[in-house]
């Protein structure tokens, strides 16, 4: 790789999009493209350095490009050693800010996705889908170990993936701390990108009330029911005090985004109610927060 310095002195923001087939890499590239990144999918590893050099040398580019490149096991002449060598060279480059985004999912979910869409796994070659998934996972493990961000999309839909990537990587010049408040169900696993996690399973459960079980924590009746728990008000006060104290400190240390997650058993009542309540409290205190309910 040539040591080319961009005329405007800005580092090239380079995202390497990689991971397992069926885990959402193509969808992620489309999202980043919508966020004004230049997107290239399935680039041969041997051309990676050439493409980066070409972008760095583009003197006509007034706004230094942000580049998102997809590389995975489908890539021509895929070799782990060659990829690691290229990554090391790029990371050593003074004018490139490389971030590796790895998209993962459970083998069972991946197999189900291939079955439902009737798509052929790129490494199947006459083998069972699960065999191909296991083989690809082994091939990609060394790349996964280099990742800056790992996204587990097992329980994630397209809209949640878009919201997550937009929250983290939207190209805007802002000193604001981007806050995401989410709800989830513990049996389906903790959100991988959560910074603060609060368990609200101790609160009274609307699931066992016939008139409420089919509603969600976004409904007023459920919110009123949960709020009647004697512990609810104290819990809200203590958690909001903690978060409101921490937010300026996170911002001071340069943190650009914060994901606060509330979990319960089903992810539809108590956690949703608490997430909605906390978003309202933050808004009343001058902080804007985005909401995401994983199980709804």
Protein backbone atom coordinates (compact mmCIF):
# COMPACT_ATOMS: atom_id res chain seq x y z
CA UNK A 1 0.00 0.00 0.00
CA UNK A 2 1.31 3.42 -0.96
CA UNK A 3 1.75 6.06 1.73
CA UNK A 4 -0.52 8.71 0.23
CA UNK A 5 -1.60 11.65 2.36
CA UNK A 6 -5.06 13.12 1.68
CA UNK A 7 -4.87 16.77 0.62
CA UNK A 8 -7.40 17.86 3.23
CA UNK A 9 -5.58 16.09 6.05
CA UNK A 10 -8.60 13.99 7.03
CA UNK A 11 -8.31 10.27 7.63
CA UNK A 12 -10.31 7.99 5.37
CA UNK A 13 -13.07 6.30 7.33
CA UNK A 14 -13.02 2.67 6.17
CA UNK A 15 -15.55 0.09 7.31
CA UNK A 16 -14.85 -3.54 6.51
CA UNK A 17 -18.18 -5.39 6.51
CA UNK A 18 -17.72 -9.09 7.12
CA UNK A 19 -19.18 -12.07 8.95
CA UNK A 20 -21.33 -15.10 8.24
CA UNK A 21 -23.53 -15.62 5.21
CA UNK A 22 -27.14 -14.85 6.09
CA UNK A 23 -26.23 -12.72 9.11
CA UNK A 24 -27.10 -9.39 7.48
CA UNK A 25 -23.93 -8.15 5.76
CA UNK A 26 -25.66 -7.19 2.51
CA UNK A 27 -28.41 -5.40 4.41
CA UNK A 28 -25.78 -3.57 6.46
CA UNK A 29 -24.01 -2.38 3.31
CA UNK A 30 -27.30 -1.04 1.95
CA UNK A 31 -27.92 0.84 5.19
CA UNK A 32 -24.44 2.36 5.13
CA UNK A 33 -24.91 3.31 1.49
CA UNK A 34 -28.09 5.14 2.49
CA UNK A 35 -25.97 6.93 5.11
CA UNK A 36 -23.73 8.28 2.28
CA UNK A 37 -20.95 5.71 2.54
CA UNK A 38 -19.45 4.44 -0.70
CA UNK A 39 -20.29 0.73 -0.66
CA UNK A 40 -18.51 -2.12 -2.44
CA UNK A 41 -19.60 -5.72 -1.89
CA UNK A 42 -17.64 -8.96 -2.32
CA UNK A 43 -14.35 -7.25 -3.17
CA UNK A 44 -11.45 -9.63 -3.89
CA UNK A 45 -8.91 -9.35 -1.09
CA UNK A 46 -6.11 -8.78 -3.60
CA UNK A 47 -7.82 -5.54 -4.70
CA UNK A 48 -8.43 -4.12 -1.24
CA UNK A 49 -5.21 -2.11 -1.01
CA UNK A 50 -5.61 -0.83 -4.58
CA UNK A 51 -9.13 0.44 -3.91
CA UNK A 52 -8.06 2.17 -0.70
CA UNK A 53 -5.08 3.81 -2.44
CA UNK A 54 -7.36 5.00 -5.24
CA UNK A 55 -9.76 6.66 -2.81
CA UNK A 56 -6.92 8.28 -0.86
CA UNK A 57 -5.47 9.68 -4.08
CA UNK A 58 -8.78 11.17 -5.24
CA UNK A 59 -7.86 14.85 -5.20
CA UNK A 60 -11.26 15.83 -6.64
CA UNK A 61 -13.10 14.61 -3.55
CA UNK A 62 -13.91 17.71 -1.48
CA UNK A 63 -15.44 15.67 1.35
CA UNK A 64 -13.16 12.79 2.30
CA UNK A 65 -15.06 9.63 1.47
CA UNK A 66 -16.30 7.11 3.97
CA UNK A 67 -15.92 3.68 2.44
CA UNK A 68 -17.74 0.45 3.32
CA UNK A 69 -16.32 -2.73 1.76
CA UNK A 70 -17.85 -6.19 2.03
CA UNK A 71 -15.44 -9.13 2.30
CA UNK A 72 -16.39 -12.64 3.36
CA UNK A 73 -15.91 -16.32 2.58
CA UNK A 74 -17.46 -15.85 -0.89
CA UNK A 75 -14.59 -13.59 -1.89
CA UNK A 76 -12.39 -14.84 -4.69
CA UNK A 77 -9.21 -16.53 -3.40
CA UNK A 78 -10.31 -16.11 0.21
CA UNK A 79 -7.25 -16.72 2.38
CA UNK A 80 -7.17 -15.95 6.10
CA UNK A 81 -3.46 -15.08 6.13
CA UNK A 82 -3.83 -12.72 3.17
CA UNK A 83 -6.74 -10.90 4.79
CA UNK A 84 -4.93 -10.54 8.11
CA UNK A 85 -1.88 -9.18 6.30
CA UNK A 86 -4.00 -6.58 4.49
CA UNK A 87 -5.75 -5.59 7.69
CA UNK A 88 -2.44 -5.11 9.50
CA UNK A 89 -1.14 -2.87 6.70
CA UNK A 90 -4.30 -0.78 6.71
CA UNK A 91 -4.33 -0.39 10.49
CA UNK A 92 -0.72 0.85 10.35
CA UNK A 93 -1.66 3.55 7.82
CA UNK A 94 -1.74 7.01 9.42
CA UNK A 95 -4.47 8.29 7.10
CA UNK A 96 -6.98 5.46 7.46
CA UNK A 97 -9.43 4.95 10.29
CA UNK A 98 -10.34 1.27 9.91
CA UNK A 99 -13.28 -0.30 11.71
CA UNK A 100 -14.22 -3.95 11.20
CA UNK A 101 -17.94 -4.70 11.52
CA UNK A 102 -18.60 -8.42 11.99
CA UNK A 103 -22.13 -9.77 11.55
CA UNK A 104 -22.90 -12.98 13.38
CA UNK A 105 -25.92 -15.09 14.23
CA UNK A 106 -26.64 -18.46 15.79
CA UNK A 107 -26.19 -21.45 13.49
CA UNK A 108 -29.83 -22.45 14.01
CA UNK A 109 -31.11 -19.02 12.97
CA UNK A 110 -28.84 -18.96 9.91
CA UNK A 111 -30.04 -22.41 8.83
CA UNK A 112 -33.65 -21.30 9.25
CA UNK A 113 -33.05 -18.18 7.16
CA UNK A 114 -31.57 -20.17 4.29
CA UNK A 115 -34.44 -22.66 4.47
CA UNK A 116 -37.14 -19.98 4.52
CA UNK A 117 -35.65 -17.96 1.66
CA UNK A 118 -34.69 -21.10 -0.31
CA UNK A 119 -31.29 -19.58 -0.94
CA UNK A 120 -28.24 -21.77 -1.32
CA UNK A 121 -25.42 -21.29 1.16
CA UNK A 122 -22.35 -20.09 -0.82
CA UNK A 123 -20.17 -22.82 0.72
CA UNK A 124 -22.71 -25.66 0.57
CA UNK A 125 -21.42 -27.38 -2.58
CA UNK A 126 -23.76 -30.32 -2.17
CA UNK A 127 -23.41 -30.40 1.62
CA UNK A 128 -26.06 -29.83 4.26
CA UNK A 129 -26.65 -26.18 5.14
CA UNK A 130 -25.58 -26.69 8.76
CA UNK A 131 -22.30 -28.27 7.62
CA UNK A 132 -21.59 -25.24 5.42
CA UNK A 133 -22.43 -22.86 8.26
CA UNK A 134 -20.04 -24.62 10.64
CA UNK A 135 -17.30 -24.60 8.00
CA UNK A 136 -17.75 -20.90 7.31
CA UNK A 137 -17.74 -20.10 11.03
CA UNK A 138 -14.37 -21.84 11.36
CA UNK A 139 -13.00 -19.91 8.36
CA UNK A 140 -14.17 -16.56 9.70
CA UNK A 141 -13.15 -16.96 13.36
CA UNK A 142 -9.77 -15.28 12.84
CA UNK A 143 -11.47 -12.28 11.23
CA UNK A 144 -14.03 -12.14 14.03
CA UNK A 145 -11.18 -11.86 16.53
CA UNK A 146 -10.06 -8.64 14.78
CA UNK A 147 -13.52 -7.03 14.79
CA UNK A 148 -14.15 -3.64 16.36
CA UNK A 149 -17.91 -4.22 16.41
CA UNK A 150 -19.74 -7.56 16.55
CA UNK A 151 -23.45 -7.55 15.73
CA UNK A 152 -25.46 -10.63 16.69
CA UNK A 153 -28.51 -10.48 14.43
CA UNK A 154 -30.15 -13.68 15.72
CA UNK A 155 -33.16 -11.81 17.10
CA UNK A 156 -32.84 -8.73 14.94
CA UNK A 157 -35.06 -7.68 12.04
CA UNK A 158 -34.12 -5.40 9.15
CA UNK A 159 -35.62 -2.32 10.78
CA UNK A 160 -33.77 -2.87 14.05
CA UNK A 161 -30.53 -3.45 12.14
CA UNK A 162 -31.05 -0.20 10.24
CA UNK A 163 -31.81 1.68 13.44
CA UNK A 164 -28.76 0.25 15.21
CA UNK A 165 -26.35 1.08 12.36
CA UNK A 166 -27.82 4.55 11.88
CA UNK A 167 -27.49 5.22 15.59
CA UNK A 168 -23.81 4.27 15.58
CA UNK A 169 -22.52 5.32 12.18
CA UNK A 170 -24.62 8.15 10.76
CA UNK A 171 -22.28 10.62 9.07
CA UNK A 172 -22.97 13.83 10.92
CA UNK A 173 -20.81 16.28 12.74
CA UNK A 174 -22.32 16.37 16.20
CA UNK A 175 -21.02 16.54 19.73
CA UNK A 176 -24.29 15.17 21.10
CA UNK A 177 -24.36 11.86 22.92
CA UNK A 178 -26.67 9.58 20.94
CA UNK A 179 -28.83 7.66 23.40
CA UNK A 180 -30.70 4.47 22.53
CA UNK A 181 -33.12 2.97 25.04
CA UNK A 182 -34.20 -0.58 24.30
CA UNK A 183 -36.30 -3.37 25.77
CA UNK A 184 -35.65 -7.09 25.48
CA UNK A 185 -36.58 -10.55 26.78
CA UNK A 186 -33.94 -12.33 28.87
CA UNK A 187 -34.71 -15.82 27.43
CA UNK A 188 -33.70 -14.49 23.99
CA UNK A 189 -30.38 -13.16 25.25
CA UNK A 190 -28.94 -9.80 26.22
CA UNK A 191 -28.49 -7.14 23.51
CA UNK A 192 -24.86 -7.38 22.40
CA UNK A 193 -24.40 -3.62 22.10
CA UNK A 194 -25.96 -2.64 25.45
CA UNK A 195 -23.82 -0.42 27.68
CA UNK A 196 -26.15 -0.40 30.68
CA UNK A 197 -28.56 -3.27 31.42
CA UNK A 198 -31.34 -3.17 34.02
CA UNK A 199 -33.41 -6.17 35.09
CA UNK A 200 -37.07 -5.26 35.76
CA UNK A 201 -38.39 -8.78 36.29
CA UNK A 202 -39.08 -7.99 39.96
CA UNK A 203 -41.96 -5.68 39.00
CA UNK A 204 -45.53 -6.99 38.89
CA UNK A 205 -46.21 -8.80 35.62
CA UNK A 206 -49.19 -7.79 33.41
CA UNK A 207 -48.83 -11.07 31.53
CA UNK A 208 -50.89 -12.78 34.21
CA UNK A 209 -53.80 -10.35 33.89
CA UNK A 210 -56.24 -11.50 31.21
CA UNK A 211 -57.19 -7.97 30.13
CA UNK A 212 -53.53 -6.92 29.82
CA UNK A 213 -51.57 -9.92 28.59
CA UNK A 214 -52.33 -9.21 24.91
CA UNK A 215 -51.33 -5.54 25.24
CA UNK A 216 -47.79 -4.12 25.47
CA UNK A 217 -45.87 -1.72 27.66
CA UNK A 218 -46.72 1.04 25.18
CA UNK A 219 -50.38 0.84 26.20
CA UNK A 220 -51.60 3.13 28.98
CA UNK A 221 -53.42 0.33 30.81
CA UNK A 222 -50.22 -1.70 31.12
CA UNK A 223 -48.21 1.34 32.18
CA UNK A 224 -50.74 2.17 34.89
CA UNK A 225 -50.71 -1.43 36.14
CA UNK A 226 -46.91 -1.57 36.38
CA UNK A 227 -46.76 1.89 37.99
CA UNK A 228 -49.03 0.65 40.79
CA UNK A 229 -46.21 -1.59 42.00
CA UNK A 230 -44.96 0.01 45.24
CA UNK A 231 -41.36 -0.36 44.05
CA UNK A 232 -41.83 1.24 40.64
CA UNK A 233 -41.52 4.92 41.60
CA UNK A 234 -38.42 4.38 43.74
CA UNK A 235 -36.81 2.27 41.03
CA UNK A 236 -37.46 4.96 38.39
CA UNK A 237 -36.04 7.66 40.65
CA UNK A 238 -32.87 5.74 41.49
CA UNK A 239 -32.20 4.59 37.92
CA UNK A 240 -32.90 8.02 36.42
CA UNK A 241 -30.63 9.67 39.01
CA UNK A 242 -27.85 7.27 38.05
CA UNK A 243 -28.31 7.78 34.31
CA UNK A 244 -28.65 11.57 34.54
CA UNK A 245 -25.46 11.67 36.60
CA UNK A 246 -23.58 9.44 34.15
CA UNK A 247 -24.63 11.07 30.85
CA UNK A 248 -22.46 14.21 31.18
CA UNK A 249 -19.53 12.05 32.27
CA UNK A 250 -19.90 9.76 29.25
CA UNK A 251 -20.06 12.79 26.99
CA UNK A 252 -17.00 14.33 28.66
CA UNK A 253 -14.92 11.23 27.98
CA UNK A 254 -15.84 11.39 24.29
CA UNK A 255 -18.45 8.64 24.14
CA UNK A 256 -20.65 9.21 21.10
CA UNK A 257 -23.45 6.72 21.76
CA UNK A 258 -25.00 4.96 24.73
CA UNK A 259 -27.39 2.01 24.70
CA UNK A 260 -29.51 1.55 27.83
CA UNK A 261 -31.43 -1.74 27.91
CA UNK A 262 -34.27 -2.90 30.14
CA UNK A 263 -35.08 -6.59 30.26
CA UNK A 264 -37.95 -8.72 31.51
CA UNK A 265 -39.21 -12.24 30.84
CA UNK A 266 -41.25 -11.73 27.68
CA UNK A 267 -39.89 -8.38 26.56
CA UNK A 268 -43.39 -7.02 25.87
CA UNK A 269 -44.70 -5.48 29.09
CA UNK A 270 -42.47 -4.41 32.00
CA UNK A 271 -39.28 -3.76 30.01
CA UNK A 272 -41.19 -1.83 27.33
CA UNK A 273 -42.99 0.19 29.99
CA UNK A 274 -39.71 1.04 31.73
CA UNK A 275 -37.95 1.95 28.47
CA UNK A 276 -40.81 4.28 27.51
CA UNK A 277 -40.78 5.84 30.98
CA UNK A 278 -37.01 6.40 30.95
CA UNK A 279 -37.12 8.00 27.48
CA UNK A 280 -39.75 10.43 28.78
CA UNK A 281 -37.68 11.24 31.87
CA UNK A 282 -34.58 11.94 29.77
CA UNK A 283 -36.58 14.14 27.39
CA UNK A 284 -37.88 16.15 30.35
CA UNK A 285 -34.26 16.68 31.37
CA UNK A 286 -33.11 17.86 27.95
CA UNK A 287 -31.80 14.59 26.50
CA UNK A 288 -33.19 13.12 23.30
CA UNK A 289 -33.32 9.32 23.19
CA UNK A 290 -34.32 6.82 20.50
CA UNK A 291 -36.48 3.83 21.44
CA UNK A 292 -36.18 0.25 20.23
CA UNK A 293 -38.34 -2.64 21.42
CA UNK A 294 -36.70 -5.86 20.25
CA UNK A 295 -39.59 -8.21 20.93
CA UNK A 296 -42.39 -6.04 19.50
